Amino acid sequence: MLDDVSYDDGESPAIGIAPPGTTRQQAADHIKIAHSPLLIAGPDGEYTGVYWTGTRMVLIEGLGSDQDEALADFRASLRELGEA
């Protein structure tokens, strides 16, 4: 499990925000246990949303570099996919 994950729970679903420097492997390990969506920032500053389907990790890339917009877009994507 990741330490220092903060959560944006103002809307459903709550989304964890990974600490800077979190790798995709660390995110995968975390969501396998926590089962909650997670937003991670890449080395280029672009955000990627990750969630666990129960059998595999899914990435939603290209969410931009603004954290608030990335959260909103990730949440909208989860709703469209029926994961929220």
Protein backbone atom coordinates (compact mmCIF):
# COMPACT_ATOMS: atom_id res chain seq x y z
CA MET A 1 0.00 0.00 0.00
CA LEU A 2 1.11 3.53 -0.74
CA ASP A 3 1.72 5.94 2.10
CA ASP A 4 0.50 9.52 1.99
CA VAL A 5 -2.37 8.98 -0.47
CA SER A 6 -4.82 11.87 -0.26
CA TYR A 7 -8.42 11.51 -1.39
CA ASP A 8 -10.77 13.71 -3.36
CA ASP A 9 -14.13 12.61 -2.02
CA GLY A 10 -16.20 15.69 -2.80
CA GLU A 11 -18.03 13.68 -5.45
CA SER A 12 -18.55 9.99 -6.04
CA PRO A 13 -16.47 7.98 -6.57
CA ALA A 14 -13.73 9.01 -4.17
CA ILE A 15 -10.40 9.07 -6.00
CA GLY A 16 -7.03 8.65 -4.36
CA ILE A 17 -4.25 11.01 -5.36
CA ALA A 18 -0.90 9.25 -5.29
CA PRO A 19 2.16 11.02 -3.91
CA PRO A 20 4.64 12.38 -6.47
CA GLY A 21 6.99 9.77 -7.89
CA THR A 22 4.53 6.87 -7.66
CA THR A 23 5.21 4.33 -10.39
CA ARG A 24 2.56 2.40 -12.28
CA GLN A 25 3.68 -0.79 -10.55
CA GLN A 26 3.28 0.82 -7.14
CA ALA A 27 -0.17 2.08 -8.21
CA ALA A 28 -1.13 -1.42 -9.37
CA ASP A 29 -0.03 -2.94 -6.07
CA HIS A 30 -2.01 -0.30 -4.18
CA ILE A 31 -5.29 -0.63 -6.08
CA LYS A 32 -5.21 -4.43 -5.91
CA ILE A 33 -5.57 -4.02 -2.15
CA ALA A 34 -7.49 -0.74 -1.81
CA HIS A 35 -9.85 -1.29 -4.79
CA SER A 36 -10.32 2.46 -5.20
CA PRO A 37 -9.42 4.55 -8.25
CA LEU A 38 -6.10 6.33 -8.10
CA LEU A 39 -4.71 9.35 -9.93
CA ILE A 40 -0.96 9.37 -10.55
CA ALA A 41 1.26 12.05 -12.06
CA GLY A 42 3.82 10.92 -14.60
CA PRO A 43 7.36 12.29 -14.83
CA ASP A 44 6.13 14.65 -17.55
CA GLY A 45 3.45 16.10 -15.24
CA GLU A 46 0.59 14.45 -17.12
CA TYR A 47 -1.95 12.60 -15.01
CA THR A 48 -3.09 9.02 -15.51
CA GLY A 49 -6.06 7.45 -13.79
CA VAL A 50 -5.84 3.82 -12.74
CA TYR A 51 -8.51 1.51 -11.43
CA TRP A 52 -8.92 -2.19 -10.69
CA THR A 53 -11.61 -4.18 -12.49
CA GLY A 54 -11.30 -7.14 -10.14
CA THR A 55 -9.00 -8.98 -12.52
CA ARG A 56 -6.73 -6.33 -14.03
CA MET A 57 -5.54 -2.75 -13.82
CA VAL A 58 -6.90 -0.29 -16.38
CA LEU A 59 -5.15 2.96 -17.28
CA ILE A 60 -6.90 6.10 -18.46
CA GLU A 61 -4.12 8.24 -19.86
CA GLY A 62 -3.98 11.76 -21.25
CA LEU A 63 -5.86 13.45 -18.41
CA GLY A 64 -3.71 16.56 -18.67
CA SER A 65 -1.44 18.38 -16.26
CA ASP A 66 -4.05 20.21 -14.17
CA GLN A 67 -4.96 18.05 -11.17
CA ASP A 68 -8.52 19.37 -10.77
CA GLU A 69 -9.31 18.86 -14.45
CA ALA A 70 -7.67 15.42 -14.39
CA LEU A 71 -9.82 14.40 -11.41
CA ALA A 72 -13.00 15.62 -13.13
CA ASP A 73 -12.13 13.87 -16.40
CA PHE A 74 -11.14 10.64 -14.63
CA ARG A 75 -14.37 10.65 -12.60
CA ALA A 76 -16.41 11.25 -15.79
CA SER A 77 -14.58 8.39 -17.54
CA LEU A 78 -15.28 6.04 -14.64
CA ARG A 79 -18.98 6.92 -14.79
CA GLU A 80 -19.13 6.39 -18.55
CA LEU A 81 -17.46 2.99 -18.14
CA GLY A 82 -19.89 1.99 -15.39
CA GLU A 83 -17.11 1.80 -12.82
CA ALA A 84 -18.59 4.46 -10.52
